[in-house]
Amino acid sequence: MGLPQRDSEHHTYGDYVNWPEDVRYELIDGVAYLMAPAPTLEHQDIAGEIFRQLANTLLEKPCRVYIAPVDVRLPKADEADELIDTVVQPDVLVVCDRGKLDRRGVRGGPDLVVEVLSPSTASHDHVKKRHVYERAGVREYWLVHPGDRMVTIYRLGPEGYGKPAVQELSGQTPVGVLPEVSIRWDDLIARLPAPED
């Protein structure tokens, strides 16, 4: 099931910044998709824990970690901000090039993007967002599946994203683009409610 579209018009960041703040959208190739309602507590626990572990590990390092909502503008070339037609809000992201940070958020592909899936966003994150992250040069893209207790990891190679690695949420998962950084799952999983059948 895909996310609902705002309308059939082609939109840019110039339109996006003028929309009311009480409804959140993401733009993908000019199409405005209505973002899902507030995430579940399980989603928030997972995203928050990943953010906390990354933030603690990267505290004295040049890379910066952020948690949604943060606008990530993904230009296709060198177009002005107002003409960019892809703007997303990943759950967790890491940016190591401080030149990509400005008062509006991030311009350009982060080094790491983590999306925590929900039933309403899973296909959108797996297909549409994976394509734009790959095109934008996001070096590593994680899709965390709370119900299945799995993580799917895409790493950018010379030919784009290859076959993903799939791992259970147990033990620890190294972050390929951040040497010596791993996400530890066991304590987090122990405090989450059992997955629904």
C-alpha atoms as a PDB file:
ATOM      1  CA  MET A   1       0.000   0.000   0.000  1.00  0.00           C
ATOM      2  CA  GLY A   2       1.476   3.350  -1.021  1.00  0.00           C
ATOM      3  CA  LEU A   3       1.267   6.651   0.784  1.00  0.00           C
ATOM      4  CA  PRO A   4      -1.478   9.041  -0.377  1.00  0.00           C
ATOM      5  CA  GLN A   5      -0.470  11.803  -2.767  1.00  0.00           C
ATOM      6  CA  ARG A   6      -1.327  15.436  -2.080  1.00  0.00           C
ATOM      7  CA  ASP A   7      -2.457  16.008  -5.681  1.00  0.00           C
ATOM      8  CA  SER A   8      -1.313  15.368  -9.244  1.00  0.00           C
ATOM      9  CA  GLU A   9       0.814  18.530  -9.547  1.00  0.00           C
ATOM     10  CA  HIS A  10       4.627  18.667  -9.797  1.00  0.00           C
ATOM     11  CA  HIS A  11       6.011  20.387  -6.688  1.00  0.00           C
ATOM     12  CA  THR A  12       9.365  21.771  -5.626  1.00  0.00           C
ATOM     13  CA  TYR A  13      10.985  22.774  -2.359  1.00  0.00           C
ATOM     14  CA  GLY A  14       9.798  26.326  -3.113  1.00  0.00           C
ATOM     15  CA  ASP A  15       6.190  25.066  -2.830  1.00  0.00           C
ATOM     16  CA  TYR A  16       6.940  22.763   0.083  1.00  0.00           C
ATOM     17  CA  VAL A  17       8.229  25.489   2.425  1.00  0.00           C
ATOM     18  CA  ASN A  18       4.985  27.445   1.980  1.00  0.00           C
ATOM     19  CA  TRP A  19       2.586  24.645   2.903  1.00  0.00           C
ATOM     20  CA  PRO A  20       0.919  24.668   6.344  1.00  0.00           C
ATOM     21  CA  GLU A  21       3.031  23.070   9.056  1.00  0.00           C
ATOM     22  CA  ASP A  22       0.221  20.954  10.518  1.00  0.00           C
ATOM     23  CA  VAL A  23       0.434  18.394   7.682  1.00  0.00           C
ATOM     24  CA  ARG A  24       3.784  16.837   6.715  1.00  0.00           C
ATOM     25  CA  TYR A  25       4.751  15.764   3.220  1.00  0.00           C
ATOM     26  CA  GLU A  26       7.794  14.324   1.492  1.00  0.00           C
ATOM     27  CA  LEU A  27       8.560  15.157  -2.133  1.00  0.00           C
ATOM     28  CA  ILE A  28       9.866  12.478  -4.458  1.00  0.00           C
ATOM     29  CA  ASP A  29      10.521  13.623  -8.013  1.00  0.00           C
ATOM     30  CA  GLY A  30       7.939  16.373  -7.594  1.00  0.00           C
ATOM     31  CA  VAL A  31       5.180  14.170  -6.160  1.00  0.00           C
ATOM     32  CA  ALA A  32       4.036  15.184  -2.668  1.00  0.00           C
ATOM     33  CA  TYR A  33       3.319  12.159  -0.464  1.00  0.00           C
ATOM     34  CA  LEU A  34       1.404  12.612   2.767  1.00  0.00           C
ATOM     35  CA  MET A  35       3.526  11.290   5.609  1.00  0.00           C
ATOM     36  CA  ALA A  36       2.039   8.613   7.839  1.00  0.00           C
ATOM     37  CA  PRO A  37       0.407   9.581  11.147  1.00  0.00           C
ATOM     38  CA  ALA A  38       2.532   9.745  14.288  1.00  0.00           C
ATOM     39  CA  PRO A  39       4.635   6.574  14.564  1.00  0.00           C
ATOM     40  CA  THR A  40       4.058   3.882  17.169  1.00  0.00           C
ATOM     41  CA  LEU A  41       5.976   3.835  20.428  1.00  0.00           C
ATOM     42  CA  GLU A  42       7.881   0.791  19.140  1.00  0.00           C
ATOM     43  CA  HIS A  43       8.980   2.815  16.101  1.00  0.00           C
ATOM     44  CA  GLN A  44      10.045   5.679  18.369  1.00  0.00           C
ATOM     45  CA  ASP A  45      11.952   3.334  20.712  1.00  0.00           C
ATOM     46  CA  ILE A  46      13.887   1.835  17.792  1.00  0.00           C
ATOM     47  CA  ALA A  47      14.650   5.142  16.047  1.00  0.00           C
ATOM     48  CA  GLY A  48      15.521   6.799  19.373  1.00  0.00           C
ATOM     49  CA  GLU A  49      17.879   3.998  20.411  1.00  0.00           C
ATOM     50  CA  ILE A  50      19.672   3.978  17.057  1.00  0.00           C
ATOM     51  CA  PHE A  51      20.017   7.766  17.299  1.00  0.00           C
ATOM     52  CA  ARG A  52      21.300   7.557  20.905  1.00  0.00           C
ATOM     53  CA  GLN A  53      23.923   4.943  20.106  1.00  0.00           C
ATOM     54  CA  LEU A  54      25.107   6.835  17.017  1.00  0.00           C
ATOM     55  CA  ALA A  55      25.134  10.194  18.834  1.00  0.00           C
ATOM     56  CA  ASN A  56      27.110   8.782  21.766  1.00  0.00           C
ATOM     57  CA  THR A  57      29.662   7.126  19.499  1.00  0.00           C
ATOM     58  CA  LEU A  58      30.060  10.141  17.197  1.00  0.00           C
ATOM     59  CA  LEU A  59      30.197  12.759  19.976  1.00  0.00           C
ATOM     60  CA  GLU A  60      33.825  13.765  19.400  1.00  0.00           C
ATOM     61  CA  LYS A  61      33.863  12.906  15.684  1.00  0.00           C
ATOM     62  CA  PRO A  62      33.248  15.144  12.640  1.00  0.00           C
ATOM     63  CA  CYS A  63      30.067  13.314  11.601  1.00  0.00           C
ATOM     64  CA  ARG A  64      26.689  14.597  12.839  1.00  0.00           C
ATOM     65  CA  VAL A  65      23.615  12.475  13.574  1.00  0.00           C
ATOM     66  CA  TYR A  66      20.011  13.693  13.351  1.00  0.00           C
ATOM     67  CA  ILE A  67      16.558  12.276  14.021  1.00  0.00           C
ATOM     68  CA  ALA A  68      13.321  13.142  12.182  1.00  0.00           C
ATOM     69  CA  PRO A  69      11.944  15.580  11.351  1.00  0.00           C
ATOM     70  CA  VAL A  70      14.841  17.094   9.395  1.00  0.00           C
ATOM     71  CA  ASP A  71      14.422  18.157   5.766  1.00  0.00           C
ATOM     72  CA  VAL A  72      16.914  16.444   3.466  1.00  0.00           C
ATOM     73  CA  ARG A  73      16.950  18.124   0.041  1.00  0.00           C
ATOM     74  CA  LEU A  74      18.229  15.825  -2.679  1.00  0.00           C
ATOM     75  CA  PRO A  75      19.103  17.852  -5.791  1.00  0.00           C
ATOM     76  CA  LYS A  76      19.611  16.050  -9.070  1.00  0.00           C
ATOM     77  CA  ALA A  77      22.323  18.503 -10.156  1.00  0.00           C
ATOM     78  CA  ASP A  78      23.195  22.004  -8.973  1.00  0.00           C
ATOM     79  CA  GLU A  79      19.675  23.477  -9.059  1.00  0.00           C
ATOM     80  CA  ALA A  80      18.709  26.177  -6.565  1.00  0.00           C
ATOM     81  CA  ASP A  81      16.973  24.989  -3.402  1.00  0.00           C
ATOM     82  CA  GLU A  82      13.595  26.306  -4.547  1.00  0.00           C
ATOM     83  CA  LEU A  83      13.759  24.073  -7.652  1.00  0.00           C
ATOM     84  CA  ILE A  84      14.692  20.816  -5.890  1.00  0.00           C
ATOM     85  CA  ASP A  85      11.827  18.344  -6.283  1.00  0.00           C
ATOM     86  CA  THR A  86      12.924  15.646  -3.804  1.00  0.00           C
ATOM     87  CA  VAL A  87      12.773  16.405  -0.069  1.00  0.00           C
ATOM     88  CA  VAL A  88      12.631  13.574   2.477  1.00  0.00           C
ATOM     89  CA  GLN A  89      12.657  13.219   6.256  1.00  0.00           C
ATOM     90  CA  PRO A  90      14.507  10.020   7.206  1.00  0.00           C
ATOM     91  CA  ASP A  91      14.010   8.605  10.687  1.00  0.00           C
ATOM     92  CA  VAL A  92      17.752   8.773  11.499  1.00  0.00           C
ATOM     93  CA  LEU A  93      20.606  10.112   9.384  1.00  0.00           C
ATOM     94  CA  VAL A  94      24.332  10.750   9.631  1.00  0.00           C
ATOM     95  CA  VAL A  95      26.145  13.463   7.675  1.00  0.00           C
ATOM     96  CA  CYS A  96      29.944  13.570   7.679  1.00  0.00           C
ATOM     97  CA  ASP A  97      30.375  16.454   5.203  1.00  0.00           C
ATOM     98  CA  ARG A  98      29.500  19.580   7.197  1.00  0.00           C
ATOM     99  CA  GLY A  99      29.255  21.473   3.887  1.00  0.00           C
ATOM    100  CA  LYS A 100      25.904  19.709   3.371  1.00  0.00           C
ATOM    101  CA  LEU A 101      24.422  21.287   6.525  1.00  0.00           C
ATOM    102  CA  ASP A 102      22.636  24.627   6.595  1.00  0.00           C
ATOM    103  CA  ARG A 103      19.872  26.332   8.526  1.00  0.00           C
ATOM    104  CA  ARG A 104      17.225  24.547   6.414  1.00  0.00           C
ATOM    105  CA  GLY A 105      18.572  21.075   7.125  1.00  0.00           C
ATOM    106  CA  VAL A 106      20.656  18.922   4.789  1.00  0.00           C
ATOM    107  CA  ARG A 107      21.367  19.453   1.094  1.00  0.00           C
ATOM    108  CA  GLY A 108      22.725  16.329  -0.561  1.00  0.00           C
ATOM    109  CA  GLY A 109      22.868  12.660   0.314  1.00  0.00           C
ATOM    110  CA  PRO A 110      23.667  11.746   3.927  1.00  0.00           C
ATOM    111  CA  ASP A 111      26.300   9.084   4.557  1.00  0.00           C
ATOM    112  CA  LEU A 112      23.853   6.859   6.455  1.00  0.00           C
ATOM    113  CA  VAL A 113      20.054   6.794   6.390  1.00  0.00           C
ATOM    114  CA  VAL A 114      17.938   4.598   8.665  1.00  0.00           C
ATOM    115  CA  GLU A 115      14.204   4.144   8.091  1.00  0.00           C
ATOM    116  CA  VAL A 116      12.118   2.247  10.656  1.00  0.00           C
ATOM    117  CA  LEU A 117       9.324   0.597   8.700  1.00  0.00           C
ATOM    118  CA  SER A 118       5.627   0.580   9.455  1.00  0.00           C
ATOM    119  CA  PRO A 119       2.921  -1.211   7.450  1.00  0.00           C
ATOM    120  CA  SER A 120       1.877   2.085   5.820  1.00  0.00           C
ATOM    121  CA  THR A 121       5.412   3.100   4.776  1.00  0.00           C
ATOM    122  CA  ALA A 122       7.192  -0.195   4.017  1.00  0.00           C
ATOM    123  CA  SER A 123       6.707  -0.292   0.238  1.00  0.00           C
ATOM    124  CA  HIS A 124       7.357   3.467  -0.056  1.00  0.00           C
ATOM    125  CA  ASP A 125      10.651   3.139   1.855  1.00  0.00           C
ATOM    126  CA  HIS A 126      11.708  -0.052   0.043  1.00  0.00           C
ATOM    127  CA  VAL A 127      11.025   1.185  -3.476  1.00  0.00           C
ATOM    128  CA  LYS A 128      10.648   4.946  -3.928  1.00  0.00           C
ATOM    129  CA  LYS A 129      12.979   6.142  -1.193  1.00  0.00           C
ATOM    130  CA  ARG A 130      15.596   3.485  -1.915  1.00  0.00           C
ATOM    131  CA  HIS A 131      15.738   4.743  -5.504  1.00  0.00           C
ATOM    132  CA  VAL A 132      16.208   8.401  -4.525  1.00  0.00           C
ATOM    133  CA  TYR A 133      18.771   7.539  -1.833  1.00  0.00           C
ATOM    134  CA  GLU A 134      20.745   5.505  -4.339  1.00  0.00           C
ATOM    135  CA  ARG A 135      20.571   8.308  -6.920  1.00  0.00           C
ATOM    136  CA  ALA A 136      21.654  10.881  -4.303  1.00  0.00           C
ATOM    137  CA  GLY A 137      24.709   8.841  -3.301  1.00  0.00           C
ATOM    138  CA  VAL A 138      23.590   7.783   0.193  1.00  0.00           C
ATOM    139  CA  ARG A 139      26.419   5.409   1.034  1.00  0.00           C
ATOM    140  CA  GLU A 140      24.462   3.140   3.367  1.00  0.00           C
ATOM    141  CA  TYR A 141      20.695   2.687   3.724  1.00  0.00           C
ATOM    142  CA  TRP A 142      19.133   0.651   6.555  1.00  0.00           C
ATOM    143  CA  LEU A 143      15.505  -0.509   6.632  1.00  0.00           C
ATOM    144  CA  VAL A 144      14.601  -1.742  10.107  1.00  0.00           C
ATOM    145  CA  HIS A 145      11.620  -4.139  10.193  1.00  0.00           C
ATOM    146  CA  PRO A 146      10.188  -3.998  13.755  1.00  0.00           C
ATOM    147  CA  GLY A 147       7.647  -6.797  13.297  1.00  0.00           C
ATOM    148  CA  ASP A 148      10.115  -9.239  11.736  1.00  0.00           C
ATOM    149  CA  ARG A 149      13.023  -8.109  13.955  1.00  0.00           C
ATOM    150  CA  MET A 150      15.231  -7.764  10.867  1.00  0.00           C
ATOM    151  CA  VAL A 151      17.353  -5.070   9.245  1.00  0.00           C
ATOM    152  CA  THR A 152      17.933  -4.808   5.498  1.00  0.00           C
ATOM    153  CA  ILE A 153      21.150  -2.962   4.591  1.00  0.00           C
ATOM    154  CA  TYR A 154      22.008  -1.493   1.195  1.00  0.00           C
ATOM    155  CA  ARG A 155      25.572  -0.326   0.600  1.00  0.00           C
ATOM    156  CA  LEU A 156      26.498   1.882  -2.345  1.00  0.00           C
ATOM    157  CA  GLY A 157      28.998   0.413  -4.775  1.00  0.00           C
ATOM    158  CA  PRO A 158      30.221   1.443  -8.242  1.00  0.00           C
ATOM    159  CA  GLU A 159      27.031   0.043  -9.801  1.00  0.00           C
ATOM    160  CA  GLY A 160      24.682   1.497  -7.168  1.00  0.00           C
ATOM    161  CA  TYR A 161      23.039  -0.532  -4.434  1.00  0.00           C
ATOM    162  CA  GLY A 162      23.769  -4.193  -4.874  1.00  0.00           C
ATOM    163  CA  LYS A 163      22.094  -7.102  -3.194  1.00  0.00           C
ATOM    164  CA  PRO A 164      21.186  -6.105   0.363  1.00  0.00           C
ATOM    165  CA  ALA A 165      22.477  -7.757   3.511  1.00  0.00           C
ATOM    166  CA  VAL A 166      19.695  -8.984   5.798  1.00  0.00           C
ATOM    167  CA  GLN A 167      20.316  -9.589   9.488  1.00  0.00           C
ATOM    168  CA  GLU A 168      18.276 -10.340  12.587  1.00  0.00           C
ATOM    169  CA  LEU A 169      18.076  -7.617  15.215  1.00  0.00           C
ATOM    170  CA  SER A 170      20.373  -9.434  17.622  1.00  0.00           C
ATOM    171  CA  GLY A 171      23.931  -8.994  18.732  1.00  0.00           C
ATOM    172  CA  GLN A 172      25.344  -6.000  16.905  1.00  0.00           C
ATOM    173  CA  THR A 173      25.395  -4.657  13.377  1.00  0.00           C
ATOM    174  CA  PRO A 174      28.457  -2.720  12.198  1.00  0.00           C
ATOM    175  CA  VAL A 175      27.859   0.495  10.270  1.00  0.00           C
ATOM    176  CA  GLY A 176      29.932   0.004   7.122  1.00  0.00           C
ATOM    177  CA  VAL A 177      30.450   3.710   6.390  1.00  0.00           C
ATOM    178  CA  LEU A 178      31.423   4.551   9.973  1.00  0.00           C
ATOM    179  CA  PRO A 179      34.418   2.451  11.019  1.00  0.00           C
ATOM    180  CA  GLU A 180      34.273   1.152  14.574  1.00  0.00           C
ATOM    181  CA  VAL A 181      30.571   2.043  14.930  1.00  0.00           C
ATOM    182  CA  SER A 182      28.013  -0.710  15.580  1.00  0.00           C
ATOM    183  CA  ILE A 183      24.392  -0.760  16.677  1.00  0.00           C
ATOM    184  CA  ARG A 184      23.721  -3.111  19.589  1.00  0.00           C
ATOM    185  CA  TRP A 185      20.251  -4.674  19.501  1.00  0.00           C
ATOM    186  CA  ASP A 186      19.830  -7.042  22.448  1.00  0.00           C
ATOM    187  CA  ASP A 187      18.874  -4.569  25.215  1.00  0.00           C
ATOM    188  CA  LEU A 188      16.541  -2.708  22.849  1.00  0.00           C
ATOM    189  CA  ILE A 189      14.772  -5.866  21.669  1.00  0.00           C
ATOM    190  CA  ALA A 190      14.423  -7.143  25.247  1.00  0.00           C
ATOM    191  CA  ARG A 191      12.413  -4.071  26.256  1.00  0.00           C
ATOM    192  CA  LEU A 192      10.142  -3.982  23.177  1.00  0.00           C
ATOM    193  CA  PRO A 193       6.742  -5.670  23.270  1.00  0.00           C
ATOM    194  CA  ALA A 194       6.544  -9.051  21.539  1.00  0.00           C
ATOM    195  CA  PRO A 195       5.733  -8.737  17.824  1.00  0.00           C
ATOM    196  CA  GLU A 196       2.074  -9.126  16.937  1.00  0.00           C
ATOM    197  CA  ASP A 197       1.143 -12.297  15.059  1.00  0.00           C
END
